[in-house]
C-alpha atoms as a PDB file:
ATOM      1  CA  MET A   1       0.143  -0.018   0.018  1.00  0.00           C
ATOM      2  CA  ILE A   2       2.776   2.291   0.955  1.00  0.00           C
ATOM      3  CA  LYS A   3       4.766   1.525  -2.214  1.00  0.00           C
ATOM      4  CA  LYS A   4       1.353   2.295  -4.393  1.00  0.00           C
ATOM      5  CA  GLU A   5       1.223   5.639  -2.629  1.00  0.00           C
ATOM      6  CA  ARG A   6       4.575   6.561  -3.254  1.00  0.00           C
ATOM      7  CA  LYS A   7       3.852   5.539  -7.137  1.00  0.00           C
ATOM      8  CA  ILE A   8       0.976   7.915  -7.184  1.00  0.00           C
ATOM      9  CA  THR A   9       2.731  10.699  -5.633  1.00  0.00           C
ATOM     10  CA  SER A  10       5.631  10.451  -7.570  1.00  0.00           C
ATOM     11  CA  GLY A  11       3.279  10.382 -10.809  1.00  0.00           C
ATOM     12  CA  LEU A  12       1.567  13.454  -9.616  1.00  0.00           C
ATOM     13  CA  ALA A  13       5.115  15.322  -9.223  1.00  0.00           C
ATOM     14  CA  LEU A  14       6.108  14.227 -12.431  1.00  0.00           C
ATOM     15  CA  LEU A  15       2.781  15.535 -13.965  1.00  0.00           C
ATOM     16  CA  VAL A  16       3.017  18.939 -12.373  1.00  0.00           C
ATOM     17  CA  VAL A  17       6.931  19.305 -13.794  1.00  0.00           C
ATOM     18  CA  LEU A  18       5.559  18.384 -17.172  1.00  0.00           C
ATOM     19  CA  ILE A  19       2.938  20.633 -17.206  1.00  0.00           C
ATOM     20  CA  ALA A  20       5.028  23.493 -16.055  1.00  0.00           C
ATOM     21  CA  ALA A  21       7.494  22.546 -18.733  1.00  0.00           C
ATOM     22  CA  GLY A  22       4.775  22.773 -21.142  1.00  0.00           C
ATOM     23  CA  VAL A  23       3.714  26.072 -20.064  1.00  0.00           C
ATOM     24  CA  ALA A  24       7.254  27.558 -20.109  1.00  0.00           C
ATOM     25  CA  GLN A  25       7.942  25.971 -23.776  1.00  0.00           C
ATOM     26  CA  GLY A  26       4.677  27.499 -24.989  1.00  0.00           C
ATOM     27  CA  ALA A  27       5.220  30.908 -23.685  1.00  0.00           C
ATOM     28  CA  VAL A  28       4.346  33.714 -26.169  1.00  0.00           C
ATOM     29  CA  THR A  29       5.121  37.471 -26.063  1.00  0.00           C
ATOM     30  CA  LEU A  30       2.021  39.809 -26.514  1.00  0.00           C
ATOM     31  CA  LYS A  31       3.225  43.268 -27.676  1.00  0.00           C
ATOM     32  CA  VAL A  32       1.487  46.588 -26.754  1.00  0.00           C
ATOM     33  CA  CYS A  33       1.873  49.820 -28.467  1.00  0.00           C
ATOM     34  CA  GLU A  34       0.054  53.218 -27.951  1.00  0.00           C
ATOM     35  CA  CYS A  35      -0.475  53.604 -31.579  1.00  0.00           C
ATOM     36  CA  LYS A  36      -2.016  51.485 -34.361  1.00  0.00           C
ATOM     37  CA  ALA A  37       0.757  52.283 -36.876  1.00  0.00           C
ATOM     38  CA  CYS A  38       3.271  51.048 -34.391  1.00  0.00           C
ATOM     39  CA  GLY A  39       3.287  47.226 -35.357  1.00  0.00           C
ATOM     40  CA  CYS A  40       1.755  45.735 -32.201  1.00  0.00           C
ATOM     41  CA  GLN A  41      -0.736  43.300 -31.456  1.00  0.00           C
ATOM     42  CA  TYR A  42      -2.425  45.570 -28.780  1.00  0.00           C
ATOM     43  CA  LEU A  43      -3.053  48.931 -27.998  1.00  0.00           C
ATOM     44  CA  SER A  44      -4.339  48.305 -24.636  1.00  0.00           C
ATOM     45  CA  ILE A  45      -2.334  46.779 -21.906  1.00  0.00           C
ATOM     46  CA  GLN A  46      -5.526  45.090 -20.056  1.00  0.00           C
ATOM     47  CA  GLU A  47      -6.666  43.488 -23.269  1.00  0.00           C
ATOM     48  CA  ALA A  48      -3.211  41.804 -23.673  1.00  0.00           C
ATOM     49  CA  ILE A  49      -3.279  40.564 -20.367  1.00  0.00           C
ATOM     50  CA  GLU A  50      -6.638  38.987 -20.889  1.00  0.00           C
ATOM     51  CA  TRP A  51      -5.403  37.507 -23.719  1.00  0.00           C
ATOM     52  CA  ALA A  52      -2.243  36.267 -22.271  1.00  0.00           C
ATOM     53  CA  SER A  53      -2.040  32.652 -20.793  1.00  0.00           C
ATOM     54  CA  PRO A  54       0.113  31.711 -17.856  1.00  0.00           C
ATOM     55  CA  GLY A  55       3.878  32.061 -18.350  1.00  0.00           C
ATOM     56  CA  ASP A  56       3.234  34.718 -21.318  1.00  0.00           C
ATOM     57  CA  THR A  57       4.989  38.072 -21.607  1.00  0.00           C
ATOM     58  CA  VAL A  58       3.182  41.186 -22.180  1.00  0.00           C
ATOM     59  CA  LEU A  59       5.735  43.625 -23.527  1.00  0.00           C
ATOM     60  CA  VAL A  60       4.631  47.096 -23.524  1.00  0.00           C
ATOM     61  CA  ARG A  61       6.648  49.710 -25.717  1.00  0.00           C
ATOM     62  CA  SER A  62       7.296  53.499 -24.654  1.00  0.00           C
ATOM     63  CA  GLY A  63       4.072  55.357 -24.636  1.00  0.00           C
ATOM     64  CA  ASN A  64       1.583  57.084 -22.484  1.00  0.00           C
ATOM     65  CA  PHE A  65      -1.489  54.723 -21.260  1.00  0.00           C
ATOM     66  CA  HIS A  66      -4.257  55.743 -18.842  1.00  0.00           C
ATOM     67  CA  GLY A  67      -6.561  53.791 -16.629  1.00  0.00           C
ATOM     68  CA  ASN A  68      -5.983  50.774 -14.316  1.00  0.00           C
ATOM     69  CA  VAL A  69      -4.319  47.388 -15.086  1.00  0.00           C
ATOM     70  CA  ASN A  70      -5.193  44.607 -13.379  1.00  0.00           C
ATOM     71  CA  ILE A  71      -3.053  41.159 -13.508  1.00  0.00           C
ATOM     72  CA  SER A  72      -4.919  38.024 -12.377  1.00  0.00           C
ATOM     73  CA  LYS A  73      -2.633  35.366 -13.914  1.00  0.00           C
ATOM     74  CA  PRO A  74       0.997  34.567 -13.723  1.00  0.00           C
ATOM     75  CA  ILE A  75       2.553  36.465 -16.407  1.00  0.00           C
ATOM     76  CA  ILE A  76       5.418  38.924 -16.905  1.00  0.00           C
ATOM     77  CA  LEU A  77       4.650  42.536 -17.553  1.00  0.00           C
ATOM     78  CA  ARG A  78       7.345  44.064 -19.012  1.00  0.00           C
ATOM     79  CA  GLY A  79       8.305  47.613 -20.524  1.00  0.00           C
ATOM     80  CA  GLU A  80      10.428  48.263 -23.350  1.00  0.00           C
ATOM     81  CA  LYS A  81      12.091  51.484 -24.408  1.00  0.00           C
ATOM     82  CA  TRP A  82      11.181  52.057 -27.974  1.00  0.00           C
ATOM     83  CA  ARG A  83      11.568  55.024 -30.102  1.00  0.00           C
ATOM     84  CA  SER A  84      12.041  56.853 -26.544  1.00  0.00           C
ATOM     85  CA  ASP A  85      14.580  56.980 -23.910  1.00  0.00           C
ATOM     86  CA  GLN A  86      11.536  56.476 -21.357  1.00  0.00           C
ATOM     87  CA  PHE A  87       9.670  53.417 -20.372  1.00  0.00           C
ATOM     88  CA  PRO A  88       6.041  53.091 -20.941  1.00  0.00           C
ATOM     89  CA  LEU A  89       3.821  55.234 -18.538  1.00  0.00           C
ATOM     90  CA  ILE A  90       0.801  54.203 -16.874  1.00  0.00           C
ATOM     91  CA  ASN A  91      -1.275  57.007 -15.472  1.00  0.00           C
ATOM     92  CA  ALA A  92      -4.267  55.969 -13.166  1.00  0.00           C
ATOM     93  CA  ASP A  93      -5.978  59.291 -13.483  1.00  0.00           C
ATOM     94  CA  GLY A  94      -6.338  59.885  -9.855  1.00  0.00           C
ATOM     95  CA  LYS A  95      -8.525  56.617  -9.434  1.00  0.00           C
ATOM     96  CA  GLY A  96      -7.337  53.468  -7.762  1.00  0.00           C
ATOM     97  CA  SER A  97      -3.977  51.811  -8.809  1.00  0.00           C
ATOM     98  CA  ALA A  98      -1.896  51.956 -12.025  1.00  0.00           C
ATOM     99  CA  ILE A  99      -1.339  48.354 -11.662  1.00  0.00           C
ATOM    100  CA  THR A 100      -2.629  45.682  -9.136  1.00  0.00           C
ATOM    101  CA  VAL A 101      -1.221  42.426  -8.929  1.00  0.00           C
ATOM    102  CA  GLY A 102      -3.728  39.778  -7.985  1.00  0.00           C
ATOM    103  CA  ALA A 103      -1.799  36.611  -8.950  1.00  0.00           C
ATOM    104  CA  ASP A 104       1.065  34.464  -7.845  1.00  0.00           C
ATOM    105  CA  MET A 105       4.226  34.249  -9.539  1.00  0.00           C
ATOM    106  CA  VAL A 106       3.588  37.614 -11.389  1.00  0.00           C
ATOM    107  CA  THR A 107       6.786  39.886 -12.691  1.00  0.00           C
ATOM    108  CA  VAL A 108       6.325  43.753 -13.147  1.00  0.00           C
ATOM    109  CA  GLU A 109       9.267  45.112 -14.807  1.00  0.00           C
ATOM    110  CA  ASN A 110      10.460  48.612 -16.234  1.00  0.00           C
ATOM    111  CA  MET A 111       7.308  50.181 -15.831  1.00  0.00           C
ATOM    112  CA  ARG A 112       6.409  53.750 -14.984  1.00  0.00           C
ATOM    113  CA  VAL A 113       3.505  54.501 -12.795  1.00  0.00           C
ATOM    114  CA  THR A 114       1.757  57.675 -11.527  1.00  0.00           C
ATOM    115  CA  ASN A 115      -1.295  59.584 -10.374  1.00  0.00           C
ATOM    116  CA  SER A 116      -2.884  56.929  -8.278  1.00  0.00           C
ATOM    117  CA  GLY A 117      -5.901  57.507  -6.089  1.00  0.00           C
ATOM    118  CA  ASN A 118      -5.184  58.900  -2.518  1.00  0.00           C
ATOM    119  CA  GLN A 119      -7.523  56.135  -0.654  1.00  0.00           C
ATOM    120  CA  SER A 120      -6.113  53.239   1.454  1.00  0.00           C
ATOM    121  CA  GLY A 121      -4.516  50.788  -0.610  1.00  0.00           C
ATOM    122  CA  ASP A 122      -4.027  53.169  -3.815  1.00  0.00           C
ATOM    123  CA  ALA A 123      -0.701  52.869  -5.132  1.00  0.00           C
ATOM    124  CA  GLY A 124       1.349  53.145  -8.404  1.00  0.00           C
ATOM    125  CA  ILE A 125       1.934  49.441  -8.096  1.00  0.00           C
ATOM    126  CA  ARG A 126      -0.113  47.390  -5.549  1.00  0.00           C
ATOM    127  CA  VAL A 127       0.532  43.816  -4.853  1.00  0.00           C
ATOM    128  CA  ILE A 128      -2.029  41.634  -2.982  1.00  0.00           C
ATOM    129  CA  SER A 129      -0.517  38.232  -3.924  1.00  0.00           C
ATOM    130  CA  ASN A 130       2.686  36.098  -3.166  1.00  0.00           C
ATOM    131  CA  ASN A 131       5.805  34.978  -4.825  1.00  0.00           C
ATOM    132  CA  ASP A 132       5.784  38.224  -7.116  1.00  0.00           C
ATOM    133  CA  ILE A 133       8.814  40.169  -8.518  1.00  0.00           C
ATOM    134  CA  ILE A 134       8.732  43.831  -8.807  1.00  0.00           C
ATOM    135  CA  ILE A 135      11.742  45.340 -10.321  1.00  0.00           C
ATOM    136  CA  GLY A 136      13.106  48.246 -11.996  1.00  0.00           C
ATOM    137  CA  ASN A 137       9.950  50.184 -11.989  1.00  0.00           C
ATOM    138  CA  PHE A 138       9.778  54.040 -11.522  1.00  0.00           C
ATOM    139  CA  ALA A 139       6.654  55.304  -9.265  1.00  0.00           C
ATOM    140  CA  SER A 140       6.189  59.101  -8.939  1.00  0.00           C
ATOM    141  CA  GLY A 141       3.225  61.322  -8.327  1.00  0.00           C
ATOM    142  CA  ASN A 142       0.903  58.928  -6.638  1.00  0.00           C
ATOM    143  CA  GLY A 143      -1.717  60.100  -4.363  1.00  0.00           C
ATOM    144  CA  GLY A 144      -1.108  56.817  -2.057  1.00  0.00           C
ATOM    145  CA  ALA A 145       2.166  54.719  -2.005  1.00  0.00           C
ATOM    146  CA  GLY A 146       4.433  54.459  -4.928  1.00  0.00           C
ATOM    147  CA  ILE A 147       4.523  50.412  -4.204  1.00  0.00           C
ATOM    148  CA  ILE A 148       2.346  48.908  -1.615  1.00  0.00           C
ATOM    149  CA  LEU A 149       2.135  45.190  -0.644  1.00  0.00           C
ATOM    150  CA  GLU A 150      -0.862  44.055   1.345  1.00  0.00           C
ATOM    151  CA  ARG A 151      -1.158  40.632   2.774  1.00  0.00           C
ATOM    152  CA  ALA A 152       1.559  39.634   0.482  1.00  0.00           C
ATOM    153  CA  ARG A 153       3.964  37.044   1.013  1.00  0.00           C
ATOM    154  CA  ASN A 154       7.536  35.940  -0.326  1.00  0.00           C
ATOM    155  CA  CYS A 155       7.578  38.872  -2.929  1.00  0.00           C
ATOM    156  CA  THR A 156      10.792  40.472  -4.317  1.00  0.00           C
ATOM    157  CA  VAL A 157      11.012  44.336  -4.533  1.00  0.00           C
ATOM    158  CA  SER A 158      14.305  45.267  -6.033  1.00  0.00           C
ATOM    159  CA  ALA A 159      15.891  48.164  -8.079  1.00  0.00           C
ATOM    160  CA  ASN A 160      12.827  50.408  -8.094  1.00  0.00           C
ATOM    161  CA  VAL A 161      12.572  54.148  -7.785  1.00  0.00           C
ATOM    162  CA  ALA A 162       9.741  55.622  -5.886  1.00  0.00           C
ATOM    163  CA  MET A 163       9.738  59.452  -5.690  1.00  0.00           C
ATOM    164  CA  ASP A 164       7.299  62.417  -4.762  1.00  0.00           C
ATOM    165  CA  ASN A 165       4.403  59.912  -3.659  1.00  0.00           C
ATOM    166  CA  ASN A 166       2.473  59.756  -0.309  1.00  0.00           C
ATOM    167  CA  ARG A 167       4.548  56.891   1.083  1.00  0.00           C
ATOM    168  CA  GLY A 168       7.342  55.456  -1.126  1.00  0.00           C
ATOM    169  CA  ILE A 169       7.080  51.686  -0.367  1.00  0.00           C
ATOM    170  CA  CYS A 170       4.448  50.448   1.978  1.00  0.00           C
ATOM    171  CA  LEU A 171       3.837  46.971   3.482  1.00  0.00           C
ATOM    172  CA  ALA A 172       0.935  46.181   5.110  1.00  0.00           C
ATOM    173  CA  THR A 173       0.146  42.949   6.813  1.00  0.00           C
ATOM    174  CA  SER A 174       2.788  41.361   4.886  1.00  0.00           C
ATOM    175  CA  GLU A 175       5.484  38.930   5.757  1.00  0.00           C
ATOM    176  CA  GLY A 176       8.484  37.344   4.316  1.00  0.00           C
ATOM    177  CA  ASN A 177       9.146  39.703   1.458  1.00  0.00           C
ATOM    178  CA  ARG A 178      12.768  40.913   0.494  1.00  0.00           C
ATOM    179  CA  LEU A 179      13.217  44.403  -0.479  1.00  0.00           C
ATOM    180  CA  PHE A 180      16.892  45.857  -1.711  1.00  0.00           C
ATOM    181  CA  ASN A 181      18.210  48.293  -3.784  1.00  0.00           C
ATOM    182  CA  ASN A 182      15.347  50.341  -3.831  1.00  0.00           C
ATOM    183  CA  LYS A 183      15.737  54.264  -3.800  1.00  0.00           C
ATOM    184  CA  LEU A 184      13.404  56.529  -2.278  1.00  0.00           C
ATOM    185  CA  TYR A 185      13.182  60.147  -2.678  1.00  0.00           C
ATOM    186  CA  ASN A 186      11.212  63.178  -1.622  1.00  0.00           C
ATOM    187  CA  ASN A 187       8.153  60.923  -0.537  1.00  0.00           C
ATOM    188  CA  ILE A 188       6.105  62.242   2.591  1.00  0.00           C
ATOM    189  CA  GLU A 189       7.316  59.098   4.142  1.00  0.00           C
ATOM    190  CA  ASP A 190       9.876  56.860   2.358  1.00  0.00           C
ATOM    191  CA  ALA A 191       9.052  53.517   3.957  1.00  0.00           C
ATOM    192  CA  PHE A 192       6.442  51.630   6.272  1.00  0.00           C
ATOM    193  CA  ASP A 193       6.116  48.055   7.195  1.00  0.00           C
ATOM    194  CA  ASP A 194       3.860  46.789  10.103  1.00  0.00           C
ATOM    195  CA  GLY A 195       5.038  43.092   9.411  1.00  0.00           C
ATOM    196  CA  LYS A 196       8.280  41.045   9.637  1.00  0.00           C
ATOM    197  CA  ASN A 197      10.224  41.729   6.104  1.00  0.00           C
ATOM    198  CA  ARG A 198      13.708  41.939   5.083  1.00  0.00           C
ATOM    199  CA  TRP A 199      14.939  45.158   3.659  1.00  0.00           C
ATOM    200  CA  ASP A 200      18.375  44.130   2.346  1.00  0.00           C
ATOM    201  CA  ASN A 201      19.569  40.934   0.688  1.00  0.00           C
ATOM    202  CA  GLY A 202      22.836  40.542   2.736  1.00  0.00           C
ATOM    203  CA  THR A 203      24.767  42.701   0.740  1.00  0.00           C
ATOM    204  CA  VAL A 204      22.995  45.980   0.138  1.00  0.00           C
ATOM    205  CA  GLY A 205      19.829  47.556   1.368  1.00  0.00           C
ATOM    206  CA  ASN A 206      17.922  50.548   0.066  1.00  0.00           C
ATOM    207  CA  TYR A 207      18.501  54.507  -0.229  1.00  0.00           C
ATOM    208  CA  TYR A 208      16.418  56.663   1.739  1.00  0.00           C
ATOM    209  CA  ALA A 209      16.550  60.545   0.845  1.00  0.00           C
ATOM    210  CA  SER A 210      15.215  61.341   4.341  1.00  0.00           C
ATOM    211  CA  PHE A 211      17.840  59.335   6.076  1.00  0.00           C
ATOM    212  CA  SER A 212      21.367  60.690   6.813  1.00  0.00           C
ATOM    213  CA  CYS A 213      24.151  58.619   7.905  1.00  0.00           C
ATOM    214  CA  THR A 214      27.859  58.324   8.073  1.00  0.00           C
ATOM    215  CA  ASP A 215      30.211  55.790   6.028  1.00  0.00           C
ATOM    216  CA  GLU A 216      33.450  55.719   7.871  1.00  0.00           C
ATOM    217  CA  ASP A 217      35.091  52.905   5.673  1.00  0.00           C
ATOM    218  CA  ASP A 218      33.500  54.489   2.727  1.00  0.00           C
ATOM    219  CA  ASP A 219      31.862  51.223   1.363  1.00  0.00           C
ATOM    220  CA  GLY A 220      28.476  52.781   0.256  1.00  0.00           C
ATOM    221  CA  ILE A 221      26.615  51.211   3.253  1.00  0.00           C
ATOM    222  CA  CYS A 222      25.633  53.558   6.160  1.00  0.00           C
ATOM    223  CA  ASP A 223      27.489  52.715   9.412  1.00  0.00           C
ATOM    224  CA  LEU A 224      24.075  52.705  11.125  1.00  0.00           C
ATOM    225  CA  ALA A 225      20.876  50.344  10.368  1.00  0.00           C
ATOM    226  CA  ARG A 226      17.710  52.211   9.559  1.00  0.00           C
ATOM    227  CA  HIS A 227      14.483  51.371  11.426  1.00  0.00           C
ATOM    228  CA  ILE A 228      11.520  51.149   9.007  1.00  0.00           C
ATOM    229  CA  PRO A 229       8.573  52.999  10.617  1.00  0.00           C
ATOM    230  CA  GLY A 230       5.507  50.695  11.643  1.00  0.00           C
ATOM    231  CA  GLY A 231       6.983  47.792  13.237  1.00  0.00           C
ATOM    232  CA  ALA A 232      10.256  46.009  14.177  1.00  0.00           C
ATOM    233  CA  SER A 233      11.432  45.636  10.562  1.00  0.00           C
ATOM    234  CA  VAL A 234      15.009  47.164  10.016  1.00  0.00           C
ATOM    235  CA  ASP A 235      17.127  47.800   6.921  1.00  0.00           C
ATOM    236  CA  ALA A 236      20.626  46.585   8.452  1.00  0.00           C
ATOM    237  CA  LEU A 237      22.681  47.826   4.931  1.00  0.00           C
ATOM    238  CA  PRO A 238      20.948  51.201   3.852  1.00  0.00           C
ATOM    239  CA  LEU A 239      22.745  52.797   1.086  1.00  0.00           C
ATOM    240  CA  THR A 240      24.554  55.957   1.078  1.00  0.00           C
ATOM    241  CA  CYS A 241      23.551  58.939  -1.125  1.00  0.00           C
ATOM    242  CA  ALA A 242      27.003  58.178  -3.113  1.00  0.00           C
ATOM    243  CA  ALA A 243      26.126  54.650  -3.556  1.00  0.00           C
ATOM    244  CA  ALA A 244      22.791  55.414  -4.737  1.00  0.00           C
ATOM    245  CA  LEU A 245      23.804  57.888  -7.189  1.00  0.00           C
ATOM    246  CA  GLY A 246      27.012  55.844  -8.290  1.00  0.00           C
END
């Protein structure tokens, strides 16, 4: 009986691996442009997401897009500089969040987000799921947070810039997330965390324009840790201004 159960378990594990491999091999890229003559399949980011399958990439070329983008499946949303030195911009028009990540295993990369609403939970990028990656984005001028994680676990937030928002990066009822190499400028409050999360990766932490520090050994890391308001989380390796600009 035990051998039979082991065979069934092994068979199920193999099936999961094969399905995952099939999804990866069949993944496609759906391109989004803001103009009909730009050679993309879609003019709407949301429409491309709706047509995407798990594992697909929605590639958004430079341009200005308005409204709210909602991601409800495991895909990659990636911005691309195209005929421009700027990544694509999503303007929430003062309502809700520019991007809401509501599925596990999502990557949001190289997007600019602005003008979110100012209600609780509104943000440039709002994450309400687990195991997501938020990397290389620029969040500015949002009435809420630049980036917010709500009830999120095991996410990675790295190499983002949050500037001129109500809050730079906010973690609410979230645990086990990793945040490093982010740069936070001129926000009313640069960071907030009421849970237990890691604000460095063991090598570098984040840069906070509101945090002045010394660096006696000139290694680009502040000599003192930076407490994150809201709870017990600490950035043990905050970056100096010189390191952030370099």
